[in-house]
C-alpha cells in the first residue's frame, strides 16, 4: 500500500481578523490553526473545490452556514460543505481558536468567493454590476 507524503508546513499568515498557521498539508487535505480576535470575523465566503470541518479548541464561535447561524463552543465542531456560503465570527472576549480541516481536489488560497467583508476585500466591480461577489486570493 502506497502512503501519501505529508509535509510539515508551519506556514503562518496574518489577517485583519487574526492569524492562521498551516499545520499539515498534502494533495487532498490541509490542516490549519485559526485564531480570530474578539469581535472580529472572516468574510462571508464560499469555495468551489473544498469542504471544511471546524473544531473549536478555545473560545466561542458564531458560525454562519447557508441560512443557519449557530454558536459552537469548545470541543464542538461543524461541517461546511463545498459550495456553501459561510462565515466564522468571534462574539466573545477571548481569542477564538479553531482547527480547520480542509478537504477537496483543490486547496489553493485562490478558491474563495467573497460576498461580504469587513476589511474591504470584495471585488467592487462585481458588487456594482449586481453579481455580488468577487473571486480573489485571501490577502
N, C-alpha and C. Protein backbone atom coordinates (compact mmCIF):
# COMPACT_ATOMS: atom_id res chain seq x y z
N UNK A 1 0.84 -1.18 0.00
CA UNK A 1 0.00 0.00 0.00
C UNK A 1 0.89 1.25 0.00
N UNK A 2 0.62 2.15 -0.91
CA UNK A 2 1.40 3.38 -1.04
C UNK A 2 0.88 4.43 -0.05
N UNK A 3 1.81 5.02 0.71
CA UNK A 3 1.42 6.08 1.63
C UNK A 3 1.64 7.42 0.96
N UNK A 4 0.68 8.34 1.17
CA UNK A 4 0.85 9.69 0.64
C UNK A 4 1.82 10.46 1.53
N UNK A 5 2.63 11.26 0.88
CA UNK A 5 3.58 12.09 1.63
C UNK A 5 2.84 13.28 2.23
N UNK A 6 3.08 13.54 3.49
CA UNK A 6 2.58 14.77 4.11
C UNK A 6 3.78 15.64 4.42
N UNK A 7 3.53 16.90 4.53
CA UNK A 7 4.61 17.85 4.74
C UNK A 7 4.28 18.72 5.94
N UNK A 8 5.22 18.87 6.84
CA UNK A 8 5.05 19.78 7.97
C UNK A 8 5.30 21.19 7.45
N UNK A 9 4.24 21.93 7.24
CA UNK A 9 4.34 23.21 6.54
C UNK A 9 4.66 24.35 7.49
N UNK A 10 3.85 24.50 8.54
CA UNK A 10 4.01 25.58 9.51
C UNK A 10 4.07 26.97 8.86
N UNK A 11 3.31 27.15 7.79
CA UNK A 11 3.17 28.47 7.17
C UNK A 11 2.27 29.30 8.07
N UNK A 12 2.66 30.54 8.32
CA UNK A 12 1.88 31.42 9.19
C UNK A 12 1.49 32.66 8.42
N UNK A 13 0.24 33.10 8.60
CA UNK A 13 -0.23 34.30 7.93
C UNK A 13 -0.98 35.19 8.90
N UNK A 14 -0.86 36.49 8.67
CA UNK A 14 -1.59 37.47 9.47
C UNK A 14 -2.69 38.05 8.61
N UNK A 15 -3.85 38.22 9.19
CA UNK A 15 -5.01 38.78 8.53
C UNK A 15 -5.59 39.87 9.43
N UNK A 16 -6.47 40.72 8.89
CA UNK A 16 -7.06 41.77 9.74
C UNK A 16 -7.82 41.22 10.95
N UNK A 17 -8.36 40.02 10.83
CA UNK A 17 -9.16 39.40 11.90
C UNK A 17 -8.34 38.58 12.88
N UNK A 18 -7.08 38.24 12.54
CA UNK A 18 -6.25 37.41 13.42
C UNK A 18 -5.15 36.72 12.65
N UNK A 19 -4.89 35.43 12.93
CA UNK A 19 -3.79 34.71 12.29
C UNK A 19 -4.21 33.29 11.92
N UNK A 20 -3.42 32.70 11.01
CA UNK A 20 -3.59 31.28 10.72
C UNK A 20 -2.22 30.65 10.61
N UNK A 21 -2.15 29.36 10.91
CA UNK A 21 -0.92 28.58 10.76
C UNK A 21 -1.30 27.27 10.08
N UNK A 22 -0.62 26.95 8.97
CA UNK A 22 -0.83 25.66 8.32
C UNK A 22 -0.01 24.63 9.09
N UNK A 23 -0.69 23.64 9.65
CA UNK A 23 -0.03 22.63 10.47
C UNK A 23 0.43 21.44 9.64
N UNK A 24 -0.37 21.07 8.64
CA UNK A 24 -0.03 19.93 7.79
C UNK A 24 -0.80 20.05 6.49
N UNK A 25 -0.20 19.55 5.40
CA UNK A 25 -0.84 19.65 4.10
C UNK A 25 -0.36 18.52 3.20
N UNK A 26 -1.29 17.98 2.41
CA UNK A 26 -0.91 17.11 1.30
C UNK A 26 -1.86 17.40 0.15
N UNK A 27 -1.91 16.55 -0.85
CA UNK A 27 -2.71 16.85 -2.03
C UNK A 27 -4.21 16.88 -1.81
N UNK A 28 -4.71 16.21 -0.79
CA UNK A 28 -6.16 16.12 -0.62
C UNK A 28 -6.69 16.75 0.67
N UNK A 29 -5.80 17.18 1.57
CA UNK A 29 -6.28 17.86 2.77
C UNK A 29 -5.25 18.86 3.28
N UNK A 30 -5.75 19.82 4.06
CA UNK A 30 -4.89 20.82 4.71
C UNK A 30 -5.46 21.06 6.10
N UNK A 31 -4.58 21.13 7.10
CA UNK A 31 -4.99 21.37 8.48
C UNK A 31 -4.40 22.71 8.93
N UNK A 32 -5.29 23.60 9.41
CA UNK A 32 -4.87 24.93 9.86
C UNK A 32 -5.32 25.16 11.30
N UNK A 33 -4.52 25.96 12.00
CA UNK A 33 -4.93 26.54 13.29
C UNK A 33 -5.30 27.98 12.97
N UNK A 34 -6.52 28.37 13.30
CA UNK A 34 -7.00 29.72 13.00
C UNK A 34 -7.35 30.41 14.31
N UNK A 35 -6.82 31.62 14.51
CA UNK A 35 -7.12 32.41 15.70
C UNK A 35 -7.82 33.69 15.26
N UNK A 36 -9.03 33.90 15.79
CA UNK A 36 -9.83 35.08 15.46
C UNK A 36 -9.93 35.94 16.71
N UNK A 37 -9.54 37.19 16.59
CA UNK A 37 -9.53 38.09 17.74
C UNK A 37 -10.97 38.45 18.15
N UNK A 38 -11.18 38.80 19.43
CA UNK A 38 -12.52 39.14 19.91
C UNK A 38 -13.19 40.22 19.06
N UNK A 39 -14.45 39.99 18.72
CA UNK A 39 -15.22 40.96 17.94
C UNK A 39 -14.93 40.96 16.45
N UNK A 40 -14.05 40.10 15.98
CA UNK A 40 -13.68 40.07 14.57
C UNK A 40 -14.37 38.91 13.86
N UNK A 41 -14.39 38.98 12.52
CA UNK A 41 -14.99 37.91 11.74
C UNK A 41 -14.35 37.83 10.37
N UNK A 42 -14.39 36.64 9.79
CA UNK A 42 -13.90 36.41 8.45
C UNK A 42 -14.97 36.84 7.46
N UNK A 43 -14.61 36.94 6.19
CA UNK A 43 -15.57 37.33 5.18
C UNK A 43 -16.66 36.27 5.01
N UNK A 44 -17.83 36.71 4.55
CA UNK A 44 -18.88 35.79 4.13
C UNK A 44 -18.41 35.27 2.78
N UNK A 45 -18.21 33.96 2.67
CA UNK A 45 -17.50 33.41 1.52
C UNK A 45 -17.99 32.03 1.16
N UNK A 46 -17.48 31.51 0.04
CA UNK A 46 -17.72 30.12 -0.33
C UNK A 46 -16.53 29.63 -1.14
N UNK A 47 -16.43 28.30 -1.26
CA UNK A 47 -15.35 27.66 -2.00
C UNK A 47 -15.95 26.67 -3.00
N UNK A 48 -15.40 26.64 -4.20
CA UNK A 48 -15.88 25.74 -5.25
C UNK A 48 -15.31 24.33 -5.14
N UNK A 49 -14.15 24.18 -4.49
CA UNK A 49 -13.43 22.91 -4.57
C UNK A 49 -13.11 22.26 -3.23
N UNK A 50 -13.55 22.83 -2.12
CA UNK A 50 -13.20 22.22 -0.84
C UNK A 50 -14.34 22.34 0.17
N UNK A 51 -14.38 21.37 1.06
CA UNK A 51 -15.25 21.44 2.24
C UNK A 51 -14.33 21.70 3.43
N UNK A 52 -14.93 22.10 4.55
CA UNK A 52 -14.15 22.40 5.75
C UNK A 52 -14.85 21.84 6.99
N UNK A 53 -14.06 21.33 7.91
CA UNK A 53 -14.51 20.95 9.25
C UNK A 53 -13.85 21.94 10.21
N UNK A 54 -14.62 22.52 11.11
CA UNK A 54 -14.09 23.43 12.11
C UNK A 54 -14.30 22.84 13.49
N UNK A 55 -13.23 22.77 14.28
CA UNK A 55 -13.30 22.28 15.66
C UNK A 55 -12.85 23.42 16.57
N UNK A 56 -13.68 23.82 17.52
CA UNK A 56 -13.34 24.90 18.44
C UNK A 56 -12.49 24.33 19.57
N UNK A 57 -11.29 24.90 19.75
CA UNK A 57 -10.41 24.46 20.83
C UNK A 57 -10.27 25.50 21.94
N UNK A 58 -10.69 26.74 21.68
CA UNK A 58 -10.68 27.78 22.70
C UNK A 58 -11.64 28.89 22.27
N UNK A 59 -12.41 29.41 23.22
CA UNK A 59 -13.33 30.49 22.91
C UNK A 59 -14.67 29.98 22.41
N UNK A 60 -15.42 30.89 21.79
CA UNK A 60 -16.76 30.61 21.27
C UNK A 60 -16.84 31.13 19.84
N UNK A 61 -17.43 30.33 18.95
CA UNK A 61 -17.57 30.71 17.55
C UNK A 61 -19.04 30.94 17.21
N UNK A 62 -19.29 31.97 16.42
CA UNK A 62 -20.59 32.13 15.77
C UNK A 62 -20.36 31.74 14.32
N UNK A 63 -21.07 30.71 13.86
CA UNK A 63 -20.87 30.15 12.53
C UNK A 63 -22.12 30.37 11.69
N UNK A 64 -21.92 30.95 10.52
CA UNK A 64 -22.98 31.05 9.52
C UNK A 64 -22.67 30.03 8.44
N UNK A 65 -23.65 29.18 8.12
CA UNK A 65 -23.52 28.23 7.02
C UNK A 65 -24.85 28.22 6.29
N UNK A 66 -24.85 28.79 5.08
CA UNK A 66 -26.11 28.98 4.37
C UNK A 66 -26.97 29.96 5.14
N UNK A 67 -28.20 29.58 5.43
CA UNK A 67 -29.13 30.44 6.17
C UNK A 67 -29.08 30.19 7.68
N UNK A 68 -28.27 29.24 8.11
CA UNK A 68 -28.22 28.85 9.52
C UNK A 68 -27.09 29.57 10.25
N UNK A 69 -27.39 30.14 11.41
CA UNK A 69 -26.39 30.75 12.28
C UNK A 69 -26.44 30.01 13.61
N UNK A 70 -25.28 29.54 14.08
CA UNK A 70 -25.26 28.82 15.35
C UNK A 70 -24.00 29.14 16.13
N UNK A 71 -24.06 28.91 17.43
CA UNK A 71 -22.93 29.09 18.33
C UNK A 71 -22.26 27.73 18.51
N UNK A 72 -20.94 27.70 18.37
CA UNK A 72 -20.15 26.48 18.56
C UNK A 72 -19.19 26.75 19.71
N UNK A 73 -19.23 25.91 20.73
CA UNK A 73 -18.40 26.07 21.92
C UNK A 73 -17.19 25.16 21.88
N UNK A 74 -16.32 25.31 22.87
CA UNK A 74 -15.11 24.50 22.98
C UNK A 74 -15.48 23.01 22.93
N UNK A 75 -14.67 22.24 22.21
CA UNK A 75 -14.85 20.79 22.00
C UNK A 75 -16.05 20.45 21.13
N UNK A 76 -16.62 21.42 20.43
CA UNK A 76 -17.69 21.17 19.46
C UNK A 76 -17.15 21.45 18.06
N UNK A 77 -17.87 20.94 17.06
CA UNK A 77 -17.41 21.12 15.68
C UNK A 77 -18.58 21.33 14.74
N UNK A 78 -18.26 21.74 13.52
CA UNK A 78 -19.27 21.90 12.47
C UNK A 78 -18.63 21.59 11.13
N UNK A 79 -19.47 21.29 10.14
CA UNK A 79 -19.04 20.94 8.79
C UNK A 79 -19.56 21.97 7.81
N UNK A 80 -18.69 22.44 6.91
CA UNK A 80 -19.06 23.39 5.86
C UNK A 80 -18.93 22.66 4.52
N UNK A 81 -20.05 22.32 3.85
CA UNK A 81 -19.96 21.60 2.58
C UNK A 81 -19.41 22.47 1.45
N UNK A 82 -18.86 21.83 0.43
CA UNK A 82 -18.41 22.52 -0.78
C UNK A 82 -19.57 23.36 -1.31
N UNK A 83 -19.27 24.61 -1.69
CA UNK A 83 -20.27 25.48 -2.29
C UNK A 83 -21.19 26.20 -1.32
N UNK A 84 -21.05 25.97 -0.03
CA UNK A 84 -21.91 26.62 0.96
C UNK A 84 -21.35 27.99 1.34
N UNK A 85 -22.23 28.98 1.39
CA UNK A 85 -21.85 30.29 1.88
C UNK A 85 -21.64 30.17 3.39
N UNK A 86 -20.51 30.71 3.88
CA UNK A 86 -20.20 30.55 5.30
C UNK A 86 -19.37 31.70 5.84
N UNK A 87 -19.39 31.80 7.17
CA UNK A 87 -18.61 32.84 7.87
C UNK A 87 -18.30 32.34 9.27
N UNK A 88 -17.12 32.74 9.77
CA UNK A 88 -16.69 32.44 11.13
C UNK A 88 -16.52 33.76 11.87
N UNK A 89 -17.12 33.86 13.07
CA UNK A 89 -17.04 35.09 13.88
C UNK A 89 -16.66 34.75 15.31
N UNK A 90 -16.02 35.72 15.97
CA UNK A 90 -15.72 35.58 17.39
C UNK A 90 -16.56 36.60 18.15
N UNK A 91 -17.69 36.15 18.75
CA UNK A 91 -18.53 37.08 19.51
C UNK A 91 -18.04 37.28 20.95
N UNK A 92 -17.00 36.56 21.34
CA UNK A 92 -16.55 36.55 22.72
C UNK A 92 -15.53 37.62 23.06
N UNK A 93 -14.98 37.52 24.27
CA UNK A 93 -14.00 38.49 24.76
C UNK A 93 -12.59 37.90 24.83
N UNK A 94 -12.44 36.61 24.53
CA UNK A 94 -11.12 35.99 24.44
C UNK A 94 -10.92 35.51 23.00
N UNK A 95 -9.67 35.33 22.57
CA UNK A 95 -9.44 34.85 21.20
C UNK A 95 -10.14 33.50 20.95
N UNK A 96 -10.70 33.37 19.76
CA UNK A 96 -11.29 32.12 19.30
C UNK A 96 -10.20 31.35 18.57
N UNK A 97 -9.99 30.09 18.93
CA UNK A 97 -9.02 29.24 18.24
C UNK A 97 -9.77 28.02 17.73
N UNK A 98 -9.64 27.79 16.41
CA UNK A 98 -10.23 26.59 15.82
C UNK A 98 -9.15 25.82 15.08
N UNK A 99 -9.41 24.54 14.89
CA UNK A 99 -8.63 23.73 13.97
C UNK A 99 -9.53 23.52 12.76
N UNK A 100 -9.03 23.89 11.59
CA UNK A 100 -9.78 23.75 10.35
C UNK A 100 -9.16 22.63 9.53
N UNK A 101 -9.98 21.68 9.12
CA UNK A 101 -9.53 20.61 8.23
C UNK A 101 -10.23 20.82 6.90
N UNK A 102 -9.43 21.18 5.88
CA UNK A 102 -9.95 21.36 4.53
C UNK A 102 -9.74 20.06 3.77
N UNK A 103 -10.73 19.67 2.96
CA UNK A 103 -10.54 18.51 2.09
C UNK A 103 -11.19 18.79 0.75
N UNK A 104 -10.54 18.30 -0.30
CA UNK A 104 -11.04 18.51 -1.65
C UNK A 104 -9.96 18.28 -2.67
N UNK A 105 -10.34 18.44 -3.94
CA UNK A 105 -9.40 18.21 -5.04
C UNK A 105 -8.46 19.38 -5.26
N UNK A 106 -8.85 20.59 -4.83
CA UNK A 106 -8.01 21.77 -4.99
C UNK A 106 -8.12 22.59 -3.71
N UNK A 107 -6.98 22.88 -3.08
CA UNK A 107 -6.97 23.57 -1.79
C UNK A 107 -6.28 24.93 -1.85
N UNK A 108 -6.14 25.49 -3.04
CA UNK A 108 -5.46 26.77 -3.20
C UNK A 108 -6.19 27.91 -2.51
N UNK A 109 -5.42 28.88 -2.03
CA UNK A 109 -5.99 30.04 -1.34
C UNK A 109 -6.81 30.92 -2.29
N UNK A 110 -6.70 30.70 -3.61
CA UNK A 110 -7.49 31.48 -4.54
C UNK A 110 -8.88 30.88 -4.79
N UNK A 111 -9.21 29.76 -4.16
CA UNK A 111 -10.55 29.19 -4.27
C UNK A 111 -11.44 29.83 -3.20
N UNK A 112 -11.75 31.10 -3.42
CA UNK A 112 -12.60 31.83 -2.48
C UNK A 112 -13.42 32.85 -3.26
N UNK A 113 -14.71 32.87 -2.98
CA UNK A 113 -15.61 33.90 -3.49
C UNK A 113 -16.12 34.63 -2.26
N UNK A 114 -15.83 35.93 -2.20
CA UNK A 114 -16.26 36.74 -1.05
C UNK A 114 -17.55 37.47 -1.40
N UNK A 115 -18.53 37.39 -0.50
CA UNK A 115 -19.80 38.08 -0.70
C UNK A 115 -19.89 39.34 0.15
N UNK A 116 -19.23 39.33 1.32
CA UNK A 116 -19.20 40.50 2.21
C UNK A 116 -17.95 40.39 3.05
N UNK A 117 -17.30 41.54 3.25
CA UNK A 117 -16.04 41.53 4.00
C UNK A 117 -15.88 42.84 4.76
N UNK A 118 -15.65 42.75 6.07
CA UNK A 118 -15.47 43.94 6.90
C UNK A 118 -14.21 44.71 6.57
N UNK A 119 -13.29 44.09 5.84
CA UNK A 119 -11.98 44.68 5.58
C UNK A 119 -11.82 45.08 4.12
N UNK A 120 -12.94 45.20 3.39
CA UNK A 120 -12.97 45.71 2.02
C UNK A 120 -12.15 44.85 1.05
N UNK A 121 -12.24 43.52 1.18
CA UNK A 121 -11.53 42.62 0.29
C UNK A 121 -12.47 41.97 -0.72
N UNK A 122 -13.57 42.64 -1.06
CA UNK A 122 -14.51 42.13 -2.06
C UNK A 122 -14.26 42.89 -3.35
N UNK A 123 -14.39 42.20 -4.49
CA UNK A 123 -14.24 42.81 -5.81
C UNK A 123 -15.40 43.77 -6.02
N UNK A 124 -15.13 45.09 -5.98
CA UNK A 124 -16.18 46.09 -6.05
C UNK A 124 -16.85 46.15 -7.42
N UNK A 125 -16.15 45.77 -8.49
CA UNK A 125 -16.78 45.74 -9.81
C UNK A 125 -17.91 44.73 -9.82
N UNK A 126 -17.73 43.59 -9.21
CA UNK A 126 -18.78 42.57 -9.16
C UNK A 126 -19.98 43.08 -8.37
N UNK A 127 -19.72 43.82 -7.28
CA UNK A 127 -20.82 44.37 -6.50
C UNK A 127 -21.60 45.38 -7.33
N UNK A 128 -20.89 46.22 -8.08
CA UNK A 128 -21.53 47.26 -8.86
C UNK A 128 -22.40 46.69 -9.98
N UNK A 129 -21.97 45.59 -10.59
CA UNK A 129 -22.75 45.05 -11.70
C UNK A 129 -23.84 44.08 -11.23
N UNK A 130 -23.99 43.94 -9.91
CA UNK A 130 -25.07 43.13 -9.39
C UNK A 130 -24.71 41.68 -9.13
N UNK A 131 -23.49 41.28 -9.49
CA UNK A 131 -23.11 39.89 -9.27
C UNK A 131 -22.96 39.59 -7.79
N UNK A 132 -22.50 40.59 -7.01
CA UNK A 132 -22.46 40.43 -5.57
C UNK A 132 -21.27 39.73 -4.99
N UNK A 133 -20.36 39.23 -5.82
CA UNK A 133 -19.21 38.52 -5.27
C UNK A 133 -18.03 38.64 -6.21
N UNK A 134 -16.85 38.59 -5.64
CA UNK A 134 -15.63 38.61 -6.44
C UNK A 134 -14.76 37.44 -6.07
N UNK A 135 -13.96 37.00 -7.01
CA UNK A 135 -13.02 35.93 -6.74
C UNK A 135 -11.65 36.56 -6.63
N UNK A 136 -11.00 36.35 -5.50
CA UNK A 136 -9.67 36.90 -5.31
C UNK A 136 -8.95 36.07 -4.27
N UNK A 137 -7.62 36.11 -4.28
CA UNK A 137 -6.87 35.36 -3.28
C UNK A 137 -7.10 35.92 -1.88
N UNK A 138 -6.93 35.08 -0.88
CA UNK A 138 -7.00 35.54 0.50
C UNK A 138 -5.80 36.42 0.75
N UNK A 139 -6.04 37.64 1.20
CA UNK A 139 -4.94 38.59 1.43
C UNK A 139 -4.87 38.95 2.89
